[in-house]
């Protein structure tokens, strides 16, 4: 699997977890999003950054970038 494909897959899995399981530990999803922001460009980077900056993320928490 190409690097961008793997990054995209990881992003969507983390994004779905953050949105659909706010009561669970979000630390791994946060780490995945930080890695996606650090190692990707373009739309994928922009969406991961936006998700990390959302004030609620379904949990009422904002994740530092």
Protein backbone atom coordinates (compact mmCIF):
# COMPACT_ATOMS: atom_id res chain seq x y z
CA UNK A 1 0.00 0.00 0.00
CA UNK A 2 1.37 3.41 -0.95
CA UNK A 3 2.30 5.83 1.80
CA UNK A 4 -0.51 8.28 0.99
CA UNK A 5 -3.03 5.42 0.90
CA UNK A 6 -1.91 4.22 4.31
CA UNK A 7 -1.99 7.76 5.73
CA UNK A 8 -5.49 8.25 4.36
CA UNK A 9 -6.68 4.99 5.87
CA UNK A 10 -5.19 5.88 9.24
CA UNK A 11 -6.74 9.36 9.10
CA UNK A 12 -10.26 8.04 8.39
CA UNK A 13 -10.01 5.41 11.11
CA UNK A 14 -8.88 8.01 13.65
CA UNK A 15 -11.50 10.54 12.53
CA UNK A 16 -14.32 8.01 12.82
CA UNK A 17 -13.11 6.90 16.23
CA UNK A 18 -12.94 10.47 17.53
CA UNK A 19 -16.42 11.27 16.27
CA UNK A 20 -18.17 8.02 17.16
CA UNK A 21 -16.51 7.00 20.42
CA UNK A 22 -15.99 10.23 22.40
CA UNK A 23 -16.29 8.43 25.73
CA UNK A 24 -13.28 6.21 25.02
CA UNK A 25 -9.56 6.99 25.32
CA UNK A 26 -8.62 9.19 22.36
CA UNK A 27 -4.83 9.19 22.82
CA UNK A 28 -4.03 6.81 19.94
CA UNK A 29 -6.38 8.64 17.56
CA UNK A 30 -4.75 11.94 18.55
CA UNK A 31 -1.30 10.50 17.87
CA UNK A 32 -2.41 9.21 14.47
CA UNK A 33 -3.77 12.65 13.54
CA UNK A 34 -0.53 14.36 14.64
CA UNK A 35 1.49 11.90 12.52
CA UNK A 36 -0.78 12.49 9.51
CA UNK A 37 -0.34 16.26 9.88
CA UNK A 38 3.42 15.88 10.23
CA UNK A 39 3.93 13.50 7.29
CA UNK A 40 1.32 14.48 4.70
CA UNK A 41 0.44 17.41 2.48
CA UNK A 42 -2.56 18.77 0.67
CA UNK A 43 -6.14 17.92 1.50
CA UNK A 44 -5.25 15.10 3.90
CA UNK A 45 -3.05 17.41 5.96
CA UNK A 46 -5.69 20.16 5.93
CA UNK A 47 -8.51 17.88 7.09
CA UNK A 48 -6.43 16.31 9.86
CA UNK A 49 -5.44 19.78 11.05
CA UNK A 50 -9.07 20.94 11.03
CA UNK A 51 -10.19 17.88 12.97
CA UNK A 52 -7.52 18.46 15.62
CA UNK A 53 -8.57 22.11 15.97
CA UNK A 54 -12.30 21.46 16.27
CA UNK A 55 -13.48 22.77 19.60
CA UNK A 56 -15.69 19.77 20.36
CA UNK A 57 -14.57 16.73 18.37
CA UNK A 58 -17.64 15.14 19.91
CA UNK A 59 -15.94 15.23 23.33
CA UNK A 60 -15.77 18.87 24.34
CA UNK A 61 -11.95 18.71 24.11
CA UNK A 62 -9.58 20.47 21.77
CA UNK A 63 -6.41 18.61 20.83
CA UNK A 64 -3.11 20.49 20.73
CA UNK A 65 -1.29 20.38 17.43
